[in-house]
């Protein structure tokens, strides 16, 4: 909002599904969960977190990263991500971009300090590249409602929005295997707060099951709006 957030940064809300039923209906969509599970080869998926993103003209880059590098507090430490654009995207408006083939690269350490507005938003994948830093970048240019899925090891981020006029908004679902549990010793500053004493399971109040091939889905999700 004006006066609170730096004008040159991408605005982000995490876990907006907990406070907005329309956002919840999209990021917890059964169809999204089914597609994610089938693409990743999972038996089923549950939500780890969502992101609501707004990238106005003039905003700086989001540093390239691997989503799974932030998941060492989970077993298994992996995920698949669905990104849905709310606007028609164009290459100079800072859409999400992938490094082609990077899903097959090793996991690198997370770099939280370099996530928002880094000077060199490609430093991570350039250092990790097996091809001496050569990167093949693929922007996701889609109509409103279009999107993409990516593997947790895929390097991705977004360049500055240099369009001058075009804002970009998106909804993101980070989905994890349905059988995921908390790691016995590794902790996360945010999500380990939801771990119950003496219990490594993920509570469906906070990590609901979006889709499972058995037909199971967290029951209270049935109350979400039908977006058609």
C-alpha atoms as a PDB file:
ATOM      1  CA  UNK A   1       0.000   0.000   0.000  1.00  0.00           C
ATOM      2  CA  UNK A   2       1.207   3.610  -0.552  1.00  0.00           C
ATOM      3  CA  UNK A   3       3.642   4.774   2.120  1.00  0.00           C
ATOM      4  CA  UNK A   4       4.166   1.301   3.543  1.00  0.00           C
ATOM      5  CA  UNK A   5       5.715  -0.795   0.769  1.00  0.00           C
ATOM      6  CA  UNK A   6       8.750   0.270  -1.294  1.00  0.00           C
ATOM      7  CA  UNK A   7       7.468   1.417  -4.679  1.00  0.00           C
ATOM      8  CA  UNK A   8      10.116  -0.612  -6.530  1.00  0.00           C
ATOM      9  CA  UNK A   9       9.327  -4.000  -4.938  1.00  0.00           C
ATOM     10  CA  UNK A  10       6.932  -6.773  -5.881  1.00  0.00           C
ATOM     11  CA  UNK A  11       4.138  -6.947  -3.288  1.00  0.00           C
ATOM     12  CA  UNK A  12       3.425 -10.382  -1.867  1.00  0.00           C
ATOM     13  CA  UNK A  13       0.877 -11.972   0.443  1.00  0.00           C
ATOM     14  CA  UNK A  14       1.461 -15.518   1.686  1.00  0.00           C
ATOM     15  CA  UNK A  15      -1.343 -17.863   2.697  1.00  0.00           C
ATOM     16  CA  UNK A  16      -4.068 -15.475   1.593  1.00  0.00           C
ATOM     17  CA  UNK A  17      -6.292 -18.561   1.283  1.00  0.00           C
ATOM     18  CA  UNK A  18      -6.779 -18.374   5.044  1.00  0.00           C
ATOM     19  CA  UNK A  19      -8.550 -15.009   4.800  1.00  0.00           C
ATOM     20  CA  UNK A  20     -10.159 -14.950   1.347  1.00  0.00           C
ATOM     21  CA  UNK A  21     -12.453 -17.685   0.067  1.00  0.00           C
ATOM     22  CA  UNK A  22     -12.025 -16.737  -3.613  1.00  0.00           C
ATOM     23  CA  UNK A  23      -8.243 -16.998  -3.374  1.00  0.00           C
ATOM     24  CA  UNK A  24      -8.726 -20.272  -1.499  1.00  0.00           C
ATOM     25  CA  UNK A  25     -11.004 -21.635  -4.228  1.00  0.00           C
ATOM     26  CA  UNK A  26      -8.250 -21.114  -6.798  1.00  0.00           C
ATOM     27  CA  UNK A  27      -5.109 -22.142  -4.926  1.00  0.00           C
ATOM     28  CA  UNK A  28      -6.868 -25.130  -3.306  1.00  0.00           C
ATOM     29  CA  UNK A  29      -8.591 -26.184  -6.521  1.00  0.00           C
ATOM     30  CA  UNK A  30      -9.097 -29.941  -6.809  1.00  0.00           C
ATOM     31  CA  UNK A  31      -8.270 -29.746 -10.521  1.00  0.00           C
ATOM     32  CA  UNK A  32      -5.012 -27.909  -9.822  1.00  0.00           C
ATOM     33  CA  UNK A  33      -4.121 -30.497  -7.206  1.00  0.00           C
ATOM     34  CA  UNK A  34      -4.861 -33.389  -9.547  1.00  0.00           C
ATOM     35  CA  UNK A  35      -2.792 -31.928 -12.375  1.00  0.00           C
ATOM     36  CA  UNK A  36       0.111 -31.136 -10.059  1.00  0.00           C
ATOM     37  CA  UNK A  37       0.099 -34.641  -8.575  1.00  0.00           C
ATOM     38  CA  UNK A  38      -0.058 -36.318 -11.951  1.00  0.00           C
ATOM     39  CA  UNK A  39       2.723 -34.170 -13.400  1.00  0.00           C
ATOM     40  CA  UNK A  40       4.975 -34.794 -10.402  1.00  0.00           C
ATOM     41  CA  UNK A  41       4.123 -38.476 -10.057  1.00  0.00           C
ATOM     42  CA  UNK A  42       2.691 -38.007  -6.555  1.00  0.00           C
ATOM     43  CA  UNK A  43      -0.130 -40.076  -5.051  1.00  0.00           C
ATOM     44  CA  UNK A  44      -1.697 -36.810  -3.913  1.00  0.00           C
ATOM     45  CA  UNK A  45      -0.858 -33.283  -2.830  1.00  0.00           C
ATOM     46  CA  UNK A  46      -1.539 -30.869  -0.012  1.00  0.00           C
ATOM     47  CA  UNK A  47      -0.948 -27.100   0.072  1.00  0.00           C
ATOM     48  CA  UNK A  48       2.206 -25.797   1.702  1.00  0.00           C
ATOM     49  CA  UNK A  49       1.567 -22.125   1.033  1.00  0.00           C
ATOM     50  CA  UNK A  50       0.130 -19.750  -1.524  1.00  0.00           C
ATOM     51  CA  UNK A  51       1.437 -16.448  -2.860  1.00  0.00           C
ATOM     52  CA  UNK A  52      -0.599 -13.523  -4.149  1.00  0.00           C
ATOM     53  CA  UNK A  53       1.796 -11.403  -6.221  1.00  0.00           C
ATOM     54  CA  UNK A  54       1.465  -7.881  -7.605  1.00  0.00           C
ATOM     55  CA  UNK A  55       4.283  -6.478  -9.734  1.00  0.00           C
ATOM     56  CA  UNK A  56       3.542  -2.886 -10.831  1.00  0.00           C
ATOM     57  CA  UNK A  57       5.531  -1.086 -13.556  1.00  0.00           C
ATOM     58  CA  UNK A  58       8.998  -0.073 -12.374  1.00  0.00           C
ATOM     59  CA  UNK A  59       9.384  -2.829  -9.812  1.00  0.00           C
ATOM     60  CA  UNK A  60      12.721  -4.594  -9.510  1.00  0.00           C
ATOM     61  CA  UNK A  61      13.491  -8.255 -10.041  1.00  0.00           C
ATOM     62  CA  UNK A  62      12.673 -11.329  -7.988  1.00  0.00           C
ATOM     63  CA  UNK A  63      15.874 -13.311  -7.552  1.00  0.00           C
ATOM     64  CA  UNK A  64      16.010 -16.661  -9.318  1.00  0.00           C
ATOM     65  CA  UNK A  65      15.683 -19.575  -6.912  1.00  0.00           C
ATOM     66  CA  UNK A  66      14.632 -23.206  -6.512  1.00  0.00           C
ATOM     67  CA  UNK A  67      11.463 -23.683  -4.434  1.00  0.00           C
ATOM     68  CA  UNK A  68      12.669 -26.984  -2.965  1.00  0.00           C
ATOM     69  CA  UNK A  69      15.782 -25.327  -1.547  1.00  0.00           C
ATOM     70  CA  UNK A  70      13.508 -23.795   1.125  1.00  0.00           C
ATOM     71  CA  UNK A  71      11.934 -27.138   2.131  1.00  0.00           C
ATOM     72  CA  UNK A  72      14.614 -28.868   4.221  1.00  0.00           C
ATOM     73  CA  UNK A  73      12.278 -28.807   7.248  1.00  0.00           C
ATOM     74  CA  UNK A  74      10.015 -31.276   5.391  1.00  0.00           C
ATOM     75  CA  UNK A  75      10.338 -34.967   4.496  1.00  0.00           C
ATOM     76  CA  UNK A  76      10.514 -35.304   1.537  1.00  0.00           C
ATOM     77  CA  UNK A  77      11.973 -31.793   0.942  1.00  0.00           C
ATOM     78  CA  UNK A  78      10.283 -31.171  -2.397  1.00  0.00           C
ATOM     79  CA  UNK A  79       7.258 -29.595  -4.075  1.00  0.00           C
ATOM     80  CA  UNK A  80       5.553 -28.743  -7.341  1.00  0.00           C
ATOM     81  CA  UNK A  81       4.272 -25.230  -7.988  1.00  0.00           C
ATOM     82  CA  UNK A  82       1.308 -23.897  -9.984  1.00  0.00           C
ATOM     83  CA  UNK A  83       1.532 -20.270 -11.174  1.00  0.00           C
ATOM     84  CA  UNK A  84      -1.606 -18.597 -12.591  1.00  0.00           C
ATOM     85  CA  UNK A  85      -1.585 -15.107 -14.126  1.00  0.00           C
ATOM     86  CA  UNK A  86      -4.494 -12.727 -13.541  1.00  0.00           C
ATOM     87  CA  UNK A  87      -3.416 -10.525 -16.462  1.00  0.00           C
ATOM     88  CA  UNK A  88      -2.193 -10.968 -19.986  1.00  0.00           C
ATOM     89  CA  UNK A  89       1.565 -11.139 -19.588  1.00  0.00           C
ATOM     90  CA  UNK A  90       4.302  -9.806 -21.807  1.00  0.00           C
ATOM     91  CA  UNK A  91       8.038 -10.406 -21.799  1.00  0.00           C
ATOM     92  CA  UNK A  92       9.037  -6.881 -20.646  1.00  0.00           C
ATOM     93  CA  UNK A  93       6.602  -6.788 -17.704  1.00  0.00           C
ATOM     94  CA  UNK A  94       8.620  -9.137 -15.520  1.00  0.00           C
ATOM     95  CA  UNK A  95       6.680 -12.397 -15.944  1.00  0.00           C
ATOM     96  CA  UNK A  96       7.882 -15.566 -14.294  1.00  0.00           C
ATOM     97  CA  UNK A  97      10.804 -17.073 -16.212  1.00  0.00           C
ATOM     98  CA  UNK A  98      12.348 -20.526 -16.072  1.00  0.00           C
ATOM     99  CA  UNK A  99      15.875 -21.696 -16.791  1.00  0.00           C
ATOM    100  CA  UNK A 100      15.316 -24.422 -19.334  1.00  0.00           C
ATOM    101  CA  UNK A 101      16.478 -27.844 -18.144  1.00  0.00           C
ATOM    102  CA  UNK A 102      17.344 -26.677 -14.613  1.00  0.00           C
ATOM    103  CA  UNK A 103      14.897 -29.133 -13.009  1.00  0.00           C
ATOM    104  CA  UNK A 104      17.682 -31.707 -13.524  1.00  0.00           C
ATOM    105  CA  UNK A 105      20.304 -29.646 -11.664  1.00  0.00           C
ATOM    106  CA  UNK A 106      21.283 -30.343  -8.028  1.00  0.00           C
ATOM    107  CA  UNK A 107      19.606 -28.458  -5.205  1.00  0.00           C
ATOM    108  CA  UNK A 108      21.468 -25.306  -4.127  1.00  0.00           C
ATOM    109  CA  UNK A 109      21.331 -23.612  -0.705  1.00  0.00           C
ATOM    110  CA  UNK A 110      18.526 -21.076  -0.277  1.00  0.00           C
ATOM    111  CA  UNK A 111      19.407 -17.384  -0.510  1.00  0.00           C
ATOM    112  CA  UNK A 112      16.604 -15.545   1.300  1.00  0.00           C
ATOM    113  CA  UNK A 113      18.511 -12.244   1.412  1.00  0.00           C
ATOM    114  CA  UNK A 114      18.671 -12.187  -2.396  1.00  0.00           C
ATOM    115  CA  UNK A 115      14.978 -12.835  -3.045  1.00  0.00           C
ATOM    116  CA  UNK A 116      13.542  -9.309  -3.396  1.00  0.00           C
ATOM    117  CA  UNK A 117      15.218  -6.730  -5.661  1.00  0.00           C
ATOM    118  CA  UNK A 118      18.708  -8.246  -5.984  1.00  0.00           C
ATOM    119  CA  UNK A 119      21.166  -6.431  -8.215  1.00  0.00           C
ATOM    120  CA  UNK A 120      21.970  -9.667 -10.061  1.00  0.00           C
ATOM    121  CA  UNK A 121      18.800 -11.725 -10.134  1.00  0.00           C
ATOM    122  CA  UNK A 122      20.486 -14.470 -12.171  1.00  0.00           C
ATOM    123  CA  UNK A 123      23.455 -15.010  -9.842  1.00  0.00           C
ATOM    124  CA  UNK A 124      22.066 -18.244  -8.376  1.00  0.00           C
ATOM    125  CA  UNK A 125      21.434 -20.209 -11.563  1.00  0.00           C
ATOM    126  CA  UNK A 126      24.547 -18.805 -13.207  1.00  0.00           C
ATOM    127  CA  UNK A 127      26.658 -20.221 -10.360  1.00  0.00           C
ATOM    128  CA  UNK A 128      24.764 -23.522 -10.439  1.00  0.00           C
ATOM    129  CA  UNK A 129      24.778 -23.976 -14.202  1.00  0.00           C
ATOM    130  CA  UNK A 130      26.748 -26.973 -15.487  1.00  0.00           C
ATOM    131  CA  UNK A 131      27.264 -25.072 -18.761  1.00  0.00           C
ATOM    132  CA  UNK A 132      29.658 -22.421 -17.427  1.00  0.00           C
ATOM    133  CA  UNK A 133      26.898 -19.971 -16.590  1.00  0.00           C
ATOM    134  CA  UNK A 134      25.079 -20.067 -19.931  1.00  0.00           C
ATOM    135  CA  UNK A 135      21.331 -19.806 -19.262  1.00  0.00           C
ATOM    136  CA  UNK A 136      18.389 -20.441 -21.580  1.00  0.00           C
ATOM    137  CA  UNK A 137      15.584 -18.306 -20.102  1.00  0.00           C
ATOM    138  CA  UNK A 138      11.941 -19.029 -20.940  1.00  0.00           C
ATOM    139  CA  UNK A 139       9.356 -16.341 -20.018  1.00  0.00           C
ATOM    140  CA  UNK A 140       5.766 -17.455 -19.435  1.00  0.00           C
ATOM    141  CA  UNK A 141       3.653 -15.245 -21.704  1.00  0.00           C
ATOM    142  CA  UNK A 142      -0.039 -16.150 -21.350  1.00  0.00           C
ATOM    143  CA  UNK A 143      -3.585 -14.784 -21.412  1.00  0.00           C
ATOM    144  CA  UNK A 144      -5.441 -14.049 -18.134  1.00  0.00           C
ATOM    145  CA  UNK A 145      -6.068 -17.336 -16.359  1.00  0.00           C
ATOM    146  CA  UNK A 146      -3.155 -18.991 -18.115  1.00  0.00           C
ATOM    147  CA  UNK A 147      -0.246 -20.340 -16.176  1.00  0.00           C
ATOM    148  CA  UNK A 148       2.345 -23.019 -15.689  1.00  0.00           C
ATOM    149  CA  UNK A 149       3.546 -25.794 -13.400  1.00  0.00           C
ATOM    150  CA  UNK A 150       7.156 -26.231 -12.395  1.00  0.00           C
ATOM    151  CA  UNK A 151       9.262 -28.791 -10.557  1.00  0.00           C
ATOM    152  CA  UNK A 152      10.709 -27.771  -7.185  1.00  0.00           C
ATOM    153  CA  UNK A 153      14.276 -27.807  -8.505  1.00  0.00           C
ATOM    154  CA  UNK A 154      13.537 -25.581 -11.514  1.00  0.00           C
ATOM    155  CA  UNK A 155      15.376 -22.279 -11.289  1.00  0.00           C
ATOM    156  CA  UNK A 156      12.894 -19.430 -11.769  1.00  0.00           C
ATOM    157  CA  UNK A 157      12.304 -15.797 -10.910  1.00  0.00           C
ATOM    158  CA  UNK A 158      11.431 -12.606 -12.746  1.00  0.00           C
ATOM    159  CA  UNK A 159      13.267  -9.670 -14.268  1.00  0.00           C
ATOM    160  CA  UNK A 160      12.337  -6.030 -13.525  1.00  0.00           C
ATOM    161  CA  UNK A 161       9.013  -4.788 -14.906  1.00  0.00           C
ATOM    162  CA  UNK A 162      10.245  -2.353 -17.549  1.00  0.00           C
ATOM    163  CA  UNK A 163       6.972  -2.147 -19.482  1.00  0.00           C
ATOM    164  CA  UNK A 164       6.122   1.316 -18.153  1.00  0.00           C
ATOM    165  CA  UNK A 165       2.382   0.651 -18.109  1.00  0.00           C
ATOM    166  CA  UNK A 166       1.614  -3.029 -17.440  1.00  0.00           C
ATOM    167  CA  UNK A 167       1.066  -4.406 -13.939  1.00  0.00           C
ATOM    168  CA  UNK A 168       1.287  -8.127 -13.291  1.00  0.00           C
ATOM    169  CA  UNK A 169      -0.701 -10.084 -10.699  1.00  0.00           C
ATOM    170  CA  UNK A 170      -0.590 -13.829 -10.094  1.00  0.00           C
ATOM    171  CA  UNK A 171      -1.769 -16.570  -7.754  1.00  0.00           C
ATOM    172  CA  UNK A 172       0.662 -19.317  -6.802  1.00  0.00           C
ATOM    173  CA  UNK A 173       0.078 -22.711  -5.157  1.00  0.00           C
ATOM    174  CA  UNK A 174       3.081 -24.517  -3.645  1.00  0.00           C
ATOM    175  CA  UNK A 175       1.975 -28.150  -3.388  1.00  0.00           C
ATOM    176  CA  UNK A 176       3.764 -30.971  -1.577  1.00  0.00           C
ATOM    177  CA  UNK A 177       3.333 -34.761  -1.586  1.00  0.00           C
ATOM    178  CA  UNK A 178       0.329 -35.795   0.484  1.00  0.00           C
ATOM    179  CA  UNK A 179       2.464 -37.999   2.764  1.00  0.00           C
ATOM    180  CA  UNK A 180       4.889 -35.162   3.662  1.00  0.00           C
ATOM    181  CA  UNK A 181       5.886 -34.867   7.327  1.00  0.00           C
ATOM    182  CA  UNK A 182       7.971 -32.450   9.345  1.00  0.00           C
ATOM    183  CA  UNK A 183      11.687 -33.200   9.636  1.00  0.00           C
ATOM    184  CA  UNK A 184      12.697 -34.428  13.096  1.00  0.00           C
ATOM    185  CA  UNK A 185      15.403 -31.781  13.610  1.00  0.00           C
ATOM    186  CA  UNK A 186      15.365 -29.232  10.784  1.00  0.00           C
ATOM    187  CA  UNK A 187      13.058 -26.295  11.450  1.00  0.00           C
ATOM    188  CA  UNK A 188      11.626 -23.344   9.546  1.00  0.00           C
ATOM    189  CA  UNK A 189      11.164 -19.945  11.182  1.00  0.00           C
ATOM    190  CA  UNK A 190       7.527 -19.811  10.035  1.00  0.00           C
ATOM    191  CA  UNK A 191       6.077 -23.223   9.267  1.00  0.00           C
ATOM    192  CA  UNK A 192       7.599 -25.207  12.114  1.00  0.00           C
ATOM    193  CA  UNK A 193       5.287 -23.191  14.368  1.00  0.00           C
ATOM    194  CA  UNK A 194       2.493 -25.429  13.081  1.00  0.00           C
ATOM    195  CA  UNK A 195       4.205 -28.594  14.279  1.00  0.00           C
ATOM    196  CA  UNK A 196       2.455 -30.242  17.239  1.00  0.00           C
ATOM    197  CA  UNK A 197       4.575 -31.480  20.119  1.00  0.00           C
ATOM    198  CA  UNK A 198       5.540 -35.122  19.606  1.00  0.00           C
ATOM    199  CA  UNK A 199       3.847 -35.280  16.196  1.00  0.00           C
ATOM    200  CA  UNK A 200       5.567 -34.920  12.809  1.00  0.00           C
ATOM    201  CA  UNK A 201       2.360 -35.011  10.748  1.00  0.00           C
ATOM    202  CA  UNK A 202       1.002 -31.945   8.939  1.00  0.00           C
ATOM    203  CA  UNK A 203      -2.328 -30.763  10.338  1.00  0.00           C
ATOM    204  CA  UNK A 204      -5.012 -30.442   7.643  1.00  0.00           C
ATOM    205  CA  UNK A 205      -6.225 -27.221   9.265  1.00  0.00           C
ATOM    206  CA  UNK A 206      -3.061 -25.584   7.930  1.00  0.00           C
ATOM    207  CA  UNK A 207      -1.925 -27.976   5.172  1.00  0.00           C
ATOM    208  CA  UNK A 208      -5.155 -29.371   3.688  1.00  0.00           C
ATOM    209  CA  UNK A 209      -5.154 -32.263   1.235  1.00  0.00           C
ATOM    210  CA  UNK A 210      -6.090 -30.748  -2.131  1.00  0.00           C
ATOM    211  CA  UNK A 211      -6.283 -33.993  -4.116  1.00  0.00           C
ATOM    212  CA  UNK A 212      -5.550 -37.692  -3.557  1.00  0.00           C
ATOM    213  CA  UNK A 213      -5.976 -40.513  -6.043  1.00  0.00           C
ATOM    214  CA  UNK A 214      -8.011 -42.391  -3.399  1.00  0.00           C
ATOM    215  CA  UNK A 215     -10.684 -39.705  -3.799  1.00  0.00           C
ATOM    216  CA  UNK A 216      -9.961 -38.137  -0.425  1.00  0.00           C
ATOM    217  CA  UNK A 217      -9.917 -34.357  -0.092  1.00  0.00           C
ATOM    218  CA  UNK A 218      -9.927 -32.400   3.186  1.00  0.00           C
ATOM    219  CA  UNK A 219     -13.681 -32.238   3.936  1.00  0.00           C
ATOM    220  CA  UNK A 220     -13.986 -28.529   4.750  1.00  0.00           C
ATOM    221  CA  UNK A 221     -12.704 -27.609   1.275  1.00  0.00           C
ATOM    222  CA  UNK A 222     -16.171 -28.539  -0.044  1.00  0.00           C
ATOM    223  CA  UNK A 223     -17.474 -25.225   1.335  1.00  0.00           C
ATOM    224  CA  UNK A 224     -15.269 -23.137  -0.974  1.00  0.00           C
ATOM    225  CA  UNK A 225     -16.899 -21.214  -3.850  1.00  0.00           C
ATOM    226  CA  UNK A 226     -17.211 -22.892  -7.246  1.00  0.00           C
ATOM    227  CA  UNK A 227     -15.266 -20.736  -9.698  1.00  0.00           C
ATOM    228  CA  UNK A 228     -16.523 -22.716 -12.693  1.00  0.00           C
END
